[in-house]
Each structure stands twice: as C-alpha cells, then as structure tokens.
C-alpha atoms as a PDB file:
ATOM      1  CA  UNK A   1       9.265  63.189  18.133  1.00  0.00           C
ATOM      2  CA  UNK A   2      10.222  60.471  20.623  1.00  0.00           C
ATOM      3  CA  UNK A   3       6.542  59.392  20.857  1.00  0.00           C
ATOM      4  CA  UNK A   4       6.320  59.031  17.027  1.00  0.00           C
ATOM      5  CA  UNK A   5       9.546  56.926  17.110  1.00  0.00           C
ATOM      6  CA  UNK A   6       8.078  54.621  19.838  1.00  0.00           C
ATOM      7  CA  UNK A   7       4.941  54.145  17.696  1.00  0.00           C
ATOM      8  CA  UNK A   8       7.005  53.395  14.716  1.00  0.00           C
ATOM      9  CA  UNK A   9       8.929  50.780  16.764  1.00  0.00           C
ATOM     10  CA  UNK A  10       5.758  49.421  18.285  1.00  0.00           C
ATOM     11  CA  UNK A  11       4.087  48.901  15.078  1.00  0.00           C
ATOM     12  CA  UNK A  12       7.136  47.314  13.539  1.00  0.00           C
ATOM     13  CA  UNK A  13       7.373  44.745  16.521  1.00  0.00           C
ATOM     14  CA  UNK A  14       3.693  43.827  16.169  1.00  0.00           C
ATOM     15  CA  UNK A  15       4.043  43.323  12.567  1.00  0.00           C
ATOM     16  CA  UNK A  16       6.977  41.052  12.978  1.00  0.00           C
ATOM     17  CA  UNK A  17       5.601  39.096  15.731  1.00  0.00           C
ATOM     18  CA  UNK A  18       2.364  38.354  13.845  1.00  0.00           C
ATOM     19  CA  UNK A  19       4.373  37.188  10.841  1.00  0.00           C
ATOM     20  CA  UNK A  20       6.453  34.815  12.841  1.00  0.00           C
ATOM     21  CA  UNK A  21       3.254  33.438  14.499  1.00  0.00           C
ATOM     22  CA  UNK A  22       1.692  32.503  11.270  1.00  0.00           C
ATOM     23  CA  UNK A  23       4.694  30.740   9.694  1.00  0.00           C
ATOM     24  CA  UNK A  24       3.707  27.859   7.353  1.00  0.00           C
ATOM     25  CA  UNK A  25       4.992  26.158   4.202  1.00  0.00           C
ATOM     26  CA  UNK A  26       3.372  26.049   0.814  1.00  0.00           C
ATOM     27  CA  UNK A  27       4.270  23.657  -1.921  1.00  0.00           C
ATOM     28  CA  UNK A  28       2.925  23.533  -5.389  1.00  0.00           C
ATOM     29  CA  UNK A  29       2.740  20.809  -7.991  1.00  0.00           C
ATOM     30  CA  UNK A  30       0.402  18.461  -9.959  1.00  0.00           C
ATOM     31  CA  UNK A  31      -1.204  15.400  -8.298  1.00  0.00           C
ATOM     32  CA  UNK A  32      -0.036  12.216  -9.818  1.00  0.00           C
ATOM     33  CA  UNK A  33      -1.560   9.713  -7.473  1.00  0.00           C
ATOM     34  CA  UNK A  34      -4.089   9.539  -4.684  1.00  0.00           C
ATOM     35  CA  UNK A  35      -4.576   6.654  -2.145  1.00  0.00           C
ATOM     36  CA  UNK A  36      -7.318   6.599   0.412  1.00  0.00           C
ATOM     37  CA  UNK A  37      -7.811   3.843   2.889  1.00  0.00           C
ATOM     38  CA  UNK A  38      -9.273   6.029   5.588  1.00  0.00           C
ATOM     39  CA  UNK A  39      -5.931   8.176   5.429  1.00  0.00           C
ATOM     40  CA  UNK A  40      -5.696  10.310   2.184  1.00  0.00           C
ATOM     41  CA  UNK A  41      -2.131   9.954   0.489  1.00  0.00           C
ATOM     42  CA  UNK A  42      -1.423  12.344  -2.388  1.00  0.00           C
ATOM     43  CA  UNK A  43       1.848  12.075  -4.645  1.00  0.00           C
ATOM     44  CA  UNK A  44       2.904  15.391  -6.371  1.00  0.00           C
ATOM     45  CA  UNK A  45       5.022  15.317  -9.656  1.00  0.00           C
ATOM     46  CA  UNK A  46       7.580  17.277  -7.593  1.00  0.00           C
ATOM     47  CA  UNK A  47       8.245  14.034  -5.557  1.00  0.00           C
ATOM     48  CA  UNK A  48       6.228  15.325  -2.424  1.00  0.00           C
ATOM     49  CA  UNK A  49       4.127  12.857  -0.692  1.00  0.00           C
ATOM     50  CA  UNK A  50       1.976  13.583   2.345  1.00  0.00           C
ATOM     51  CA  UNK A  51      -0.809  11.995   4.057  1.00  0.00           C
ATOM     52  CA  UNK A  52      -3.835  13.493   5.931  1.00  0.00           C
ATOM     53  CA  UNK A  53      -5.528  11.396   8.771  1.00  0.00           C
ATOM     54  CA  UNK A  54      -9.188  11.700   9.484  1.00  0.00           C
ATOM     55  CA  UNK A  55      -8.092  12.083  13.106  1.00  0.00           C
ATOM     56  CA  UNK A  56      -6.524  15.317  12.330  1.00  0.00           C
ATOM     57  CA  UNK A  57     -10.279  16.664  11.807  1.00  0.00           C
ATOM     58  CA  UNK A  58     -11.019  16.210  15.585  1.00  0.00           C
ATOM     59  CA  UNK A  59      -7.892  18.327  16.304  1.00  0.00           C
ATOM     60  CA  UNK A  60      -8.686  21.287  13.981  1.00  0.00           C
ATOM     61  CA  UNK A  61     -10.901  24.005  13.818  1.00  0.00           C
ATOM     62  CA  UNK A  62     -11.676  23.516  10.097  1.00  0.00           C
ATOM     63  CA  UNK A  63     -14.337  20.802  10.939  1.00  0.00           C
ATOM     64  CA  UNK A  64     -15.093  17.192  10.827  1.00  0.00           C
ATOM     65  CA  UNK A  65     -15.263  16.816   7.063  1.00  0.00           C
ATOM     66  CA  UNK A  66     -11.894  18.522   6.453  1.00  0.00           C
ATOM     67  CA  UNK A  67     -10.079  15.406   5.260  1.00  0.00           C
ATOM     68  CA  UNK A  68     -12.944  14.700   3.005  1.00  0.00           C
ATOM     69  CA  UNK A  69     -12.767  18.172   1.393  1.00  0.00           C
ATOM     70  CA  UNK A  70      -9.163  18.011   0.790  1.00  0.00           C
ATOM     71  CA  UNK A  71      -9.563  14.587  -0.797  1.00  0.00           C
ATOM     72  CA  UNK A  72     -12.204  15.871  -3.301  1.00  0.00           C
ATOM     73  CA  UNK A  73      -9.950  18.873  -4.209  1.00  0.00           C
ATOM     74  CA  UNK A  74      -6.980  16.671  -4.745  1.00  0.00           C
ATOM     75  CA  UNK A  75      -9.069  14.374  -6.970  1.00  0.00           C
ATOM     76  CA  UNK A  76     -10.405  17.483  -8.916  1.00  0.00           C
ATOM     77  CA  UNK A  77      -6.950  18.634  -9.590  1.00  0.00           C
ATOM     78  CA  UNK A  78      -5.818  15.375 -10.765  1.00  0.00           C
ATOM     79  CA  UNK A  79      -8.741  14.791 -13.045  1.00  0.00           C
ATOM     80  CA  UNK A  80      -8.773  18.437 -14.535  1.00  0.00           C
ATOM     81  CA  UNK A  81      -4.937  18.518 -14.728  1.00  0.00           C
ATOM     82  CA  UNK A  82      -4.684  21.742 -12.677  1.00  0.00           C
ATOM     83  CA  UNK A  83      -1.980  22.223 -10.061  1.00  0.00           C
ATOM     84  CA  UNK A  84      -2.497  22.514  -6.367  1.00  0.00           C
ATOM     85  CA  UNK A  85      -0.787  24.250  -3.579  1.00  0.00           C
ATOM     86  CA  UNK A  86      -0.661  22.337  -0.209  1.00  0.00           C
ATOM     87  CA  UNK A  87      -0.162  24.393   2.808  1.00  0.00           C
ATOM     88  CA  UNK A  88       1.654  22.766   5.755  1.00  0.00           C
ATOM     89  CA  UNK A  89       1.171  24.094   9.303  1.00  0.00           C
ATOM     90  CA  UNK A  90       4.984  24.092  10.049  1.00  0.00           C
ATOM     91  CA  UNK A  91       7.335  26.486   8.657  1.00  0.00           C
ATOM     92  CA  UNK A  92      10.377  24.923   6.586  1.00  0.00           C
ATOM     93  CA  UNK A  93       8.870  21.829   5.362  1.00  0.00           C
ATOM     94  CA  UNK A  94      10.450  20.307   2.350  1.00  0.00           C
ATOM     95  CA  UNK A  95       8.579  20.366  -0.902  1.00  0.00           C
ATOM     96  CA  UNK A  96       9.824  16.896  -1.866  1.00  0.00           C
ATOM     97  CA  UNK A  97       9.944  13.558  -0.327  1.00  0.00           C
ATOM     98  CA  UNK A  98       7.571  12.003   2.224  1.00  0.00           C
ATOM     99  CA  UNK A  99       6.142  14.552   4.613  1.00  0.00           C
ATOM    100  CA  UNK A 100       4.027  12.393   6.847  1.00  0.00           C
ATOM    101  CA  UNK A 101       5.313  13.999   9.942  1.00  0.00           C
ATOM    102  CA  UNK A 102       4.016  17.407   8.904  1.00  0.00           C
ATOM    103  CA  UNK A 103       0.265  18.208   9.319  1.00  0.00           C
ATOM    104  CA  UNK A 104      -1.532  19.706   6.278  1.00  0.00           C
ATOM    105  CA  UNK A 105      -3.507  22.804   6.867  1.00  0.00           C
ATOM    106  CA  UNK A 106      -5.360  23.064   3.689  1.00  0.00           C
ATOM    107  CA  UNK A 107      -5.065  22.864  -0.211  1.00  0.00           C
ATOM    108  CA  UNK A 108      -5.624  25.408  -3.067  1.00  0.00           C
ATOM    109  CA  UNK A 109      -6.802  24.466  -6.318  1.00  0.00           C
ATOM    110  CA  UNK A 110      -4.974  26.617  -8.798  1.00  0.00           C
ATOM    111  CA  UNK A 111      -6.331  28.230 -12.002  1.00  0.00           C
ATOM    112  CA  UNK A 112      -3.527  26.771 -14.032  1.00  0.00           C
END
C-alpha cells in the first residue's frame, strides 16, 4: 500500500513539474495591421501589439526562417480574415497593449 501511495505521489509531482516547466501565454485575435522593416510588428483587434526580431531566429531552435514564416502566417490571417493565436514564451503576458519585451514562440492560424 505504501509503495502504491509513493508511486501516485511521484507521478503527481512529475506531472506538476512538467506543467510548470512549459508555462506560456496564448492570445487570440484578428490581425489588423502588419509592419515589417526587418522586424515584424503585428497589431490585433484586441489591442495587442507585438514584435518579432530576425535576431530571435539565431537564438531559437525553430530555425533561421522563423520570423519570415510567422510574417507569412500573419499576412495570410489578415488577408483571409481568420483569427490567429500568438504564443509567447513567458507565462502571464497580457493579451492587450504593446508586448515587445516578450518573445514570441509561434503563431497558430485558426480555422475561423
């Protein structure tokens, strides 16, 4: 009985630690404006504004064309009128206002 209890506690602790290690923030909205001057700036209808620097590609495992791919996806969303969900690396990022201090992990193109 004690061994089973220890196993349950161990599994619970592992699950809790893996959840905390992968904390992030996701914000959903429609793209209203895009600006690119080497840095990609995206405005949402929710008031969220974020930037993606090409230098972030060098520090990320997603590859050297990451910022170009995110720009293409944001442009597709804006043209098609579909919403997107931006995922920030940090947990607790506000989904409104300018979030230039928070790095973007990636972008989902939503079906509607």
